[in-house]
Amino acid sequence: MTNPDVPEGSVVDIEAHTRNLRIVEAVLFMANEPVDQAVLAAKLPPDAAVEDLLAELSAHYQGRGFHLIRVAGKWAFRTAPDMAFALSEQAKEQRRLSRAAMETLAIIAYHQPVTRAEIEDLRGVSVSKGTLDVLLELGWIKMRGRRKVPGRPVTYGTTEAFLLHFGLDALTDLPGLDDMKAAGLLEQGSVGPALPRLPGDELTATEEPLDGPVEPDEAEDDSLSMKRDAAE
């Protein structure tokens, strides 16, 4: 959108467009975390087309050392994947997750909302409280609510921090859905369009609110309670 009082293609029009591009670029460069499009719009004149500006910047940085990408519904500059080697010496050593934690995270990501007992059924082995604690501490998962079944076990889901860390714009961008289904790791039809675009706080029809903070050992007790109910 352009100013109707300024002829399109005029020097003033071009200068205004260039200035708007620079504003968006500067805000994104200085941001410590991805920026919402509404935040960018607030920095620009009312007639500025934010989506067009972002698309132009994104195209401009293709093939450069870093890209402008959309993650978790927001915008951020990220190092180009093929340039990661150049920063390897400067990168901070990250905490290595155990295999159990990675498997648990994958199950939560693809099956959410899911309870601890359901995670254990899918993995075929028990899930220690420590495994869930690590993922909660990293901020990649959260306690969403409670399942509407006897025992009211806590349900888990991923967070915006999960999307940001793995460079995903939405849960529908999770890789390898078809391959995981073919391998029997996911039930056919259990993942796909039903996944929310972003991991929000909205509860599904099978969940109810947490109703207050969860005690440290309560999530573990929920798993045992649900299994006892199933056995009976």
Protein backbone atom coordinates (compact mmCIF):
# COMPACT_ATOMS: atom_id res chain seq x y z
CA MET A 1 0.00 0.00 0.00
CA THR A 2 1.28 3.46 -0.89
CA ASN A 3 0.31 6.96 0.12
CA PRO A 4 -2.42 8.16 -2.33
CA ASP A 5 -1.04 11.69 -2.10
CA VAL A 6 2.36 10.58 -3.37
CA PRO A 7 2.75 9.33 -6.97
CA GLU A 8 3.80 5.68 -7.02
CA GLY A 9 7.41 5.31 -8.14
CA SER A 10 8.30 8.88 -7.20
CA VAL A 11 11.49 9.70 -5.33
CA VAL A 12 9.51 10.35 -2.14
CA ASP A 13 7.66 7.04 -2.51
CA ILE A 14 10.90 5.10 -3.03
CA GLU A 15 12.58 6.83 -0.12
CA ALA A 16 9.63 6.00 2.17
CA HIS A 17 9.71 2.37 1.09
CA THR A 18 13.46 2.14 1.66
CA ARG A 19 13.11 3.73 5.09
CA ASN A 20 10.38 1.24 6.05
CA LEU A 21 12.60 -1.64 4.97
CA ARG A 22 15.45 -0.30 7.08
CA ILE A 23 13.17 0.07 10.11
CA VAL A 24 12.00 -3.54 9.88
CA GLU A 25 15.56 -4.75 9.29
CA ALA A 26 16.93 -2.78 12.26
CA VAL A 27 14.23 -3.97 14.66
CA LEU A 28 14.78 -7.60 13.68
CA PHE A 29 18.57 -7.32 13.95
CA MET A 30 18.43 -5.82 17.43
CA ALA A 31 15.79 -8.21 18.79
CA ASN A 32 16.93 -10.90 21.21
CA GLU A 33 13.99 -13.08 20.25
CA PRO A 34 11.61 -13.47 17.28
CA VAL A 35 9.40 -10.44 16.66
CA ASP A 36 5.66 -10.49 16.14
CA GLN A 37 4.41 -8.88 12.94
CA ALA A 38 2.15 -6.58 14.97
CA VAL A 39 5.19 -5.21 16.80
CA LEU A 40 6.82 -4.37 13.48
CA ALA A 41 3.63 -2.72 12.22
CA ALA A 42 3.59 -0.47 15.28
CA LYS A 43 7.02 0.88 14.31
CA LEU A 44 5.91 1.79 10.78
CA PRO A 45 3.58 4.36 9.21
CA PRO A 46 -0.08 3.24 9.05
CA ASP A 47 0.05 2.79 5.27
CA ALA A 48 3.09 0.47 5.31
CA ALA A 49 2.48 -3.07 4.01
CA VAL A 50 4.35 -5.12 6.63
CA GLU A 51 3.86 -8.47 4.89
CA ASP A 52 5.30 -7.11 1.65
CA LEU A 53 8.28 -5.62 3.48
CA LEU A 54 9.02 -8.92 5.23
CA ALA A 55 8.71 -10.85 1.98
CA GLU A 56 11.12 -8.45 0.27
CA LEU A 57 13.66 -8.69 3.09
CA SER A 58 13.35 -12.47 3.17
CA ALA A 59 14.06 -12.67 -0.57
CA HIS A 60 16.97 -10.22 -0.19
CA TYR A 61 18.72 -12.43 2.37
CA GLN A 62 18.33 -15.70 0.45
CA GLY A 63 21.80 -17.01 -0.34
CA ARG A 64 23.42 -14.83 2.32
CA GLY A 65 25.10 -15.85 5.57
CA PHE A 66 21.85 -15.61 7.46
CA HIS A 67 18.18 -15.83 6.52
CA LEU A 68 15.03 -14.05 7.60
CA ILE A 69 12.60 -16.80 8.56
CA ARG A 70 9.27 -17.20 10.32
CA VAL A 71 9.38 -19.23 13.53
CA ALA A 72 6.48 -19.81 15.91
CA GLY A 73 4.44 -17.28 13.96
CA LYS A 74 7.07 -14.56 14.45
CA TRP A 75 10.06 -13.29 12.46
CA ALA A 76 13.78 -13.62 13.16
CA PHE A 77 17.19 -13.73 11.50
CA ARG A 78 18.88 -17.12 11.69
CA THR A 79 22.28 -18.33 10.54
CA ALA A 80 22.07 -20.11 7.20
CA PRO A 81 22.17 -23.89 7.85
CA ASP A 82 25.24 -24.38 5.64
CA MET A 83 27.14 -21.70 7.59
CA ALA A 84 26.73 -23.30 11.00
CA PHE A 85 30.25 -24.81 10.79
CA ALA A 86 31.77 -21.31 10.82
CA LEU A 87 30.29 -20.63 14.25
CA SER A 88 31.01 -24.02 15.80
CA GLU A 89 33.96 -22.77 17.87
CA GLN A 90 31.92 -19.88 19.26
CA ALA A 91 28.82 -21.93 20.01
CA LYS A 92 28.08 -22.67 23.62
CA GLU A 93 28.19 -26.29 24.66
CA GLN A 94 24.59 -27.40 25.02
CA ARG A 95 23.24 -29.87 27.51
CA ARG A 96 22.94 -33.26 25.88
CA LEU A 97 19.57 -34.92 26.23
CA SER A 98 19.32 -38.60 27.01
CA ARG A 99 17.74 -40.96 24.51
CA ALA A 100 14.78 -41.31 26.86
CA ALA A 101 14.30 -37.54 26.95
CA MET A 102 14.48 -37.26 23.15
CA GLU A 103 11.97 -40.09 22.67
CA THR A 104 9.66 -38.56 25.27
CA LEU A 105 9.89 -35.14 23.61
CA ALA A 106 9.11 -36.65 20.20
CA ILE A 107 6.05 -38.46 21.53
CA ILE A 108 4.75 -35.32 23.22
CA ALA A 109 5.33 -33.26 20.06
CA TYR A 110 3.50 -35.67 17.77
CA HIS A 111 0.76 -36.90 20.14
CA GLN A 112 -0.05 -33.86 22.27
CA PRO A 113 -1.97 -33.50 24.45
CA VAL A 114 -0.63 -36.68 26.03
CA THR A 115 -0.40 -38.04 29.59
CA ARG A 116 2.59 -39.70 31.19
CA ALA A 117 0.87 -43.09 31.10
CA GLU A 118 0.17 -42.64 27.37
CA ILE A 119 3.83 -41.75 26.80
CA GLU A 120 4.86 -44.93 28.61
CA ASP A 121 2.46 -47.02 26.52
CA LEU A 122 3.91 -45.58 23.31
CA ARG A 123 7.54 -46.03 24.43
CA GLY A 124 6.92 -49.45 25.93
CA VAL A 125 8.92 -48.54 29.04
CA SER A 126 8.36 -46.36 32.09
CA VAL A 127 9.13 -42.65 31.96
CA SER A 128 11.00 -41.30 34.97
CA LYS A 129 9.90 -38.06 36.59
CA GLY A 130 13.43 -36.77 35.98
CA THR A 131 12.97 -37.07 32.22
CA LEU A 132 9.87 -34.89 32.27
CA ASP A 133 11.53 -32.49 34.71
CA VAL A 134 14.43 -31.93 32.28
CA LEU A 135 12.05 -31.09 29.43
CA LEU A 136 9.99 -28.83 31.69
CA GLU A 137 13.15 -27.07 32.88
CA LEU A 138 14.24 -26.45 29.29
CA GLY A 139 10.84 -24.91 28.66
CA TRP A 140 10.12 -27.21 25.70
CA ILE A 141 7.05 -28.83 27.25
CA LYS A 142 4.38 -27.68 29.68
CA MET A 143 1.56 -29.12 31.75
CA ARG A 144 -1.55 -28.27 29.72
CA GLY A 145 -4.44 -29.59 31.79
CA ARG A 146 -5.96 -32.86 32.99
CA ARG A 147 -7.44 -35.73 31.02
CA LYS A 148 -11.15 -36.30 31.61
CA VAL A 149 -10.68 -39.87 32.86
CA PRO A 150 -10.51 -41.48 36.32
CA GLY A 151 -7.48 -40.15 38.18
CA ARG A 152 -7.47 -36.94 36.08
CA PRO A 153 -3.85 -37.37 34.89
CA VAL A 154 -1.89 -34.31 33.78
CA THR A 155 -1.60 -33.75 30.02
CA TYR A 156 1.58 -32.45 28.39
CA GLY A 157 2.21 -30.42 25.26
CA THR A 158 5.01 -28.47 23.60
CA THR A 159 5.64 -24.74 23.98
CA GLU A 160 6.59 -21.81 21.80
CA ALA A 161 10.15 -22.25 23.08
CA PHE A 162 10.13 -25.73 21.49
CA LEU A 163 9.25 -24.24 18.11
CA LEU A 164 11.87 -21.52 18.46
CA HIS A 165 14.65 -23.95 19.41
CA PHE A 166 13.96 -26.30 16.51
CA GLY A 167 13.28 -23.52 14.00
CA LEU A 168 9.64 -24.45 13.34
CA ASP A 169 6.93 -21.99 12.39
CA ALA A 170 4.16 -24.38 13.46
CA LEU A 171 3.57 -27.92 14.70
CA THR A 172 2.46 -28.83 11.19
CA ASP A 173 6.09 -28.25 10.13
CA LEU A 174 7.31 -31.18 12.24
CA PRO A 175 9.39 -33.42 9.95
CA GLY A 176 8.88 -37.03 9.00
CA LEU A 177 5.21 -37.52 9.86
CA ASP A 178 4.61 -40.00 7.04
CA ASP A 179 7.83 -41.89 7.80
CA MET A 180 6.98 -42.15 11.49
CA LYS A 181 3.49 -43.41 10.69
CA ALA A 182 4.90 -45.97 8.26
CA ALA A 183 7.29 -47.20 10.95
CA GLY A 184 4.39 -47.66 13.35
CA LEU A 185 5.64 -44.95 15.73
CA LEU A 186 2.48 -42.94 15.16
CA GLU A 187 -1.07 -44.12 14.67
CA GLN A 188 -2.50 -43.46 11.23
CA GLY A 189 -4.52 -40.27 11.32
CA SER A 190 -3.37 -39.37 14.83
CA VAL A 191 -1.26 -36.47 13.60
CA GLY A 192 -1.85 -34.01 10.80
CA PRO A 193 -4.56 -31.41 10.34
CA ALA A 194 -5.73 -31.95 13.92
CA LEU A 195 -2.50 -30.44 15.26
CA PRO A 196 -2.94 -26.79 16.26
CA ARG A 197 -0.91 -24.32 14.21
CA LEU A 198 0.78 -23.10 17.37
CA PRO A 199 0.97 -24.75 20.81
CA GLY A 200 -1.52 -22.63 22.70
CA ASP A 201 -3.32 -22.91 26.00
CA GLU A 202 -6.64 -23.98 24.51
CA LEU A 203 -7.76 -27.30 25.96
CA THR A 204 -9.18 -30.09 23.80
CA ALA A 205 -12.50 -31.83 24.39
CA THR A 206 -10.67 -34.57 26.34
CA GLU A 207 -9.03 -32.12 28.78
CA GLU A 208 -10.03 -29.92 31.68
CA PRO A 209 -8.11 -27.15 33.51
CA LEU A 210 -5.33 -27.97 35.98
CA ASP A 211 -7.16 -26.13 38.79
CA GLY A 212 -4.09 -24.82 40.57
CA PRO A 213 -0.41 -25.75 40.69
CA VAL A 214 0.61 -29.41 40.40
CA GLU A 215 2.53 -30.82 43.35
CA PRO A 216 6.05 -32.16 42.54
CA ASP A 217 5.08 -35.82 42.86
CA GLU A 218 1.53 -35.51 41.56
CA ALA A 219 2.38 -36.10 37.89
CA GLU A 220 4.12 -39.33 38.86
CA ASP A 221 1.17 -40.42 41.00
CA ASP A 222 -1.21 -39.70 38.10
CA SER A 223 0.61 -42.24 35.93
CA LEU A 224 0.37 -44.98 38.55
CA SER A 225 -3.27 -44.16 39.32
CA MET A 226 -4.27 -44.35 35.67
CA LYS A 227 -2.57 -47.71 35.25
CA ARG A 228 -4.29 -49.09 38.36
CA ASP A 229 -7.66 -47.91 37.03
CA ALA A 230 -6.99 -49.61 33.70
CA ALA A 231 -6.02 -52.87 35.43
CA GLU A 232 -9.23 -52.88 37.46
